[in-house]
């Protein structure tokens, strides 16, 4: 690795870190919503599967 590549990767890491920090609250909110809905979806699909195979 050359010095330029190291500097570029450091800057990229910094930018990605800042980006994630900015969107951290949004990501947390979205993932919690997805988790809740995923559970409901799994329960629903389980019920439908049971009804289909009866």
N, C-alpha and C. Protein backbone atom coordinates (compact mmCIF):
# COMPACT_ATOMS: atom_id res chain seq x y z
N UNK A 1 0.83 -1.21 0.00
CA UNK A 1 0.00 0.00 0.00
C UNK A 1 0.87 1.26 0.00
N UNK A 2 0.54 2.17 -0.87
CA UNK A 2 1.26 3.44 -0.88
C UNK A 2 0.65 4.40 0.14
N UNK A 3 1.34 5.49 0.40
CA UNK A 3 0.87 6.47 1.37
C UNK A 3 -0.47 7.06 0.93
N UNK A 4 -0.63 7.28 -0.36
CA UNK A 4 -1.88 7.86 -0.89
C UNK A 4 -3.05 6.93 -0.63
N UNK A 5 -2.86 5.62 -0.88
CA UNK A 5 -3.93 4.65 -0.66
C UNK A 5 -4.33 4.61 0.81
N UNK A 6 -3.33 4.66 1.70
CA UNK A 6 -3.61 4.65 3.14
C UNK A 6 -4.43 5.88 3.52
N UNK A 7 -4.04 7.05 3.02
CA UNK A 7 -4.76 8.30 3.32
C UNK A 7 -6.18 8.22 2.79
N UNK A 8 -6.35 7.73 1.55
CA UNK A 8 -7.68 7.62 0.94
C UNK A 8 -8.57 6.68 1.76
N UNK A 9 -8.01 5.53 2.17
CA UNK A 9 -8.81 4.58 2.95
C UNK A 9 -9.18 5.16 4.31
N UNK A 10 -8.28 5.93 4.92
CA UNK A 10 -8.58 6.59 6.20
C UNK A 10 -9.71 7.60 6.04
N UNK A 11 -9.64 8.40 4.96
CA UNK A 11 -10.68 9.39 4.70
C UNK A 11 -12.02 8.71 4.45
N UNK A 12 -11.99 7.63 3.65
CA UNK A 12 -13.22 6.87 3.38
C UNK A 12 -13.81 6.31 4.65
N UNK A 13 -12.95 5.75 5.51
CA UNK A 13 -13.42 5.20 6.79
C UNK A 13 -14.07 6.29 7.64
N UNK A 14 -13.45 7.48 7.64
CA UNK A 14 -13.98 8.62 8.40
C UNK A 14 -15.35 9.04 7.87
N UNK A 15 -15.46 9.13 6.53
CA UNK A 15 -16.72 9.53 5.90
C UNK A 15 -17.82 8.51 6.20
N UNK A 16 -17.48 7.21 6.05
CA UNK A 16 -18.46 6.16 6.35
C UNK A 16 -18.88 6.22 7.82
N UNK A 17 -17.91 6.44 8.71
CA UNK A 17 -18.21 6.54 10.13
C UNK A 17 -19.16 7.69 10.43
N UNK A 18 -18.90 8.85 9.83
CA UNK A 18 -19.77 10.01 10.02
C UNK A 18 -21.16 9.75 9.46
N UNK A 19 -21.20 9.11 8.27
CA UNK A 19 -22.47 8.80 7.62
C UNK A 19 -23.30 7.88 8.50
N UNK A 20 -22.66 6.85 9.05
CA UNK A 20 -23.37 5.90 9.92
C UNK A 20 -23.83 6.59 11.20
N UNK A 21 -22.99 7.50 11.73
CA UNK A 21 -23.36 8.21 12.95
C UNK A 21 -24.59 9.08 12.70
N UNK A 22 -24.64 9.75 11.54
CA UNK A 22 -25.76 10.60 11.20
C UNK A 22 -27.05 9.79 11.06
N UNK A 23 -26.92 8.62 10.42
CA UNK A 23 -28.13 7.84 10.13
C UNK A 23 -28.39 6.76 11.16
N UNK A 24 -27.63 6.79 12.27
CA UNK A 24 -27.75 5.74 13.29
C UNK A 24 -29.15 5.67 13.86
N UNK A 25 -29.73 6.83 14.21
CA UNK A 25 -31.08 6.87 14.78
C UNK A 25 -32.11 6.34 13.78
N UNK A 26 -31.97 6.78 12.52
CA UNK A 26 -32.88 6.33 11.47
C UNK A 26 -32.80 4.82 11.29
N UNK A 27 -31.55 4.31 11.21
CA UNK A 27 -31.34 2.87 11.01
C UNK A 27 -31.94 2.08 12.17
N UNK A 28 -31.72 2.57 13.40
CA UNK A 28 -32.26 1.88 14.58
C UNK A 28 -33.78 1.84 14.52
N UNK A 29 -34.39 2.98 14.13
CA UNK A 29 -35.85 3.05 14.04
C UNK A 29 -36.37 2.07 12.99
N UNK A 30 -35.74 2.09 11.82
CA UNK A 30 -36.17 1.22 10.72
C UNK A 30 -36.01 -0.25 11.10
N UNK A 31 -34.87 -0.61 11.70
CA UNK A 31 -34.64 -2.02 12.03
C UNK A 31 -35.62 -2.49 13.10
N UNK A 32 -35.97 -1.62 14.06
CA UNK A 32 -36.93 -2.03 15.09
C UNK A 32 -38.31 -2.25 14.47
N UNK A 33 -38.69 -1.37 13.53
CA UNK A 33 -39.96 -1.54 12.82
C UNK A 33 -39.95 -2.83 12.04
N UNK A 34 -38.84 -3.08 11.32
CA UNK A 34 -38.71 -4.30 10.52
C UNK A 34 -38.78 -5.53 11.40
N UNK A 35 -38.13 -5.47 12.58
CA UNK A 35 -38.11 -6.62 13.47
C UNK A 35 -39.53 -6.94 13.95
N UNK A 36 -40.27 -5.91 14.35
CA UNK A 36 -41.65 -6.11 14.80
C UNK A 36 -42.50 -6.72 13.68
N UNK A 37 -42.39 -6.14 12.48
CA UNK A 37 -43.19 -6.61 11.36
C UNK A 37 -42.75 -7.99 10.90
N UNK A 38 -41.45 -8.28 11.01
CA UNK A 38 -40.94 -9.60 10.64
C UNK A 38 -41.55 -10.66 11.53
N UNK A 39 -41.65 -10.37 12.84
CA UNK A 39 -42.26 -11.32 13.77
C UNK A 39 -43.71 -11.58 13.40
N UNK A 40 -44.46 -10.49 13.13
CA UNK A 40 -45.86 -10.62 12.73
C UNK A 40 -45.98 -11.42 11.44
N UNK A 41 -45.09 -11.13 10.48
CA UNK A 41 -45.10 -11.82 9.20
C UNK A 41 -44.82 -13.31 9.38
N UNK A 42 -43.85 -13.63 10.25
CA UNK A 42 -43.53 -15.03 10.51
C UNK A 42 -44.71 -15.75 11.14
N UNK A 43 -45.37 -15.11 12.10
CA UNK A 43 -46.54 -15.71 12.74
C UNK A 43 -47.65 -15.94 11.73
N UNK A 44 -47.91 -14.91 10.90
CA UNK A 44 -48.95 -15.02 9.87
C UNK A 44 -48.65 -16.12 8.88
N UNK A 45 -47.40 -16.19 8.38
CA UNK A 45 -47.05 -17.20 7.41
C UNK A 45 -47.10 -18.59 8.04
N UNK A 46 -46.77 -18.68 9.33
CA UNK A 46 -46.87 -19.96 10.04
C UNK A 46 -48.33 -20.42 10.11
N UNK A 47 -49.23 -19.49 10.45
CA UNK A 47 -50.65 -19.81 10.52
C UNK A 47 -51.18 -20.25 9.15
N UNK A 48 -50.80 -19.49 8.11
CA UNK A 48 -51.25 -19.82 6.76
C UNK A 48 -50.74 -21.19 6.34
N UNK A 49 -49.47 -21.49 6.64
CA UNK A 49 -48.90 -22.79 6.29
C UNK A 49 -49.64 -23.92 7.00
N UNK A 50 -49.94 -23.73 8.27
CA UNK A 50 -50.67 -24.75 9.04
C UNK A 50 -52.06 -24.97 8.43
N UNK A 51 -52.73 -23.85 8.07
CA UNK A 51 -54.07 -23.96 7.48
C UNK A 51 -54.01 -24.66 6.13
N UNK A 52 -52.98 -24.41 5.35
CA UNK A 52 -52.85 -25.03 4.03
C UNK A 52 -52.61 -26.53 4.13
N UNK A 53 -51.85 -26.96 5.13
CA UNK A 53 -51.47 -28.36 5.21
C UNK A 53 -52.40 -29.19 6.08
N UNK A 54 -53.50 -28.59 6.55
CA UNK A 54 -54.44 -29.37 7.35
C UNK A 54 -55.34 -30.19 6.47
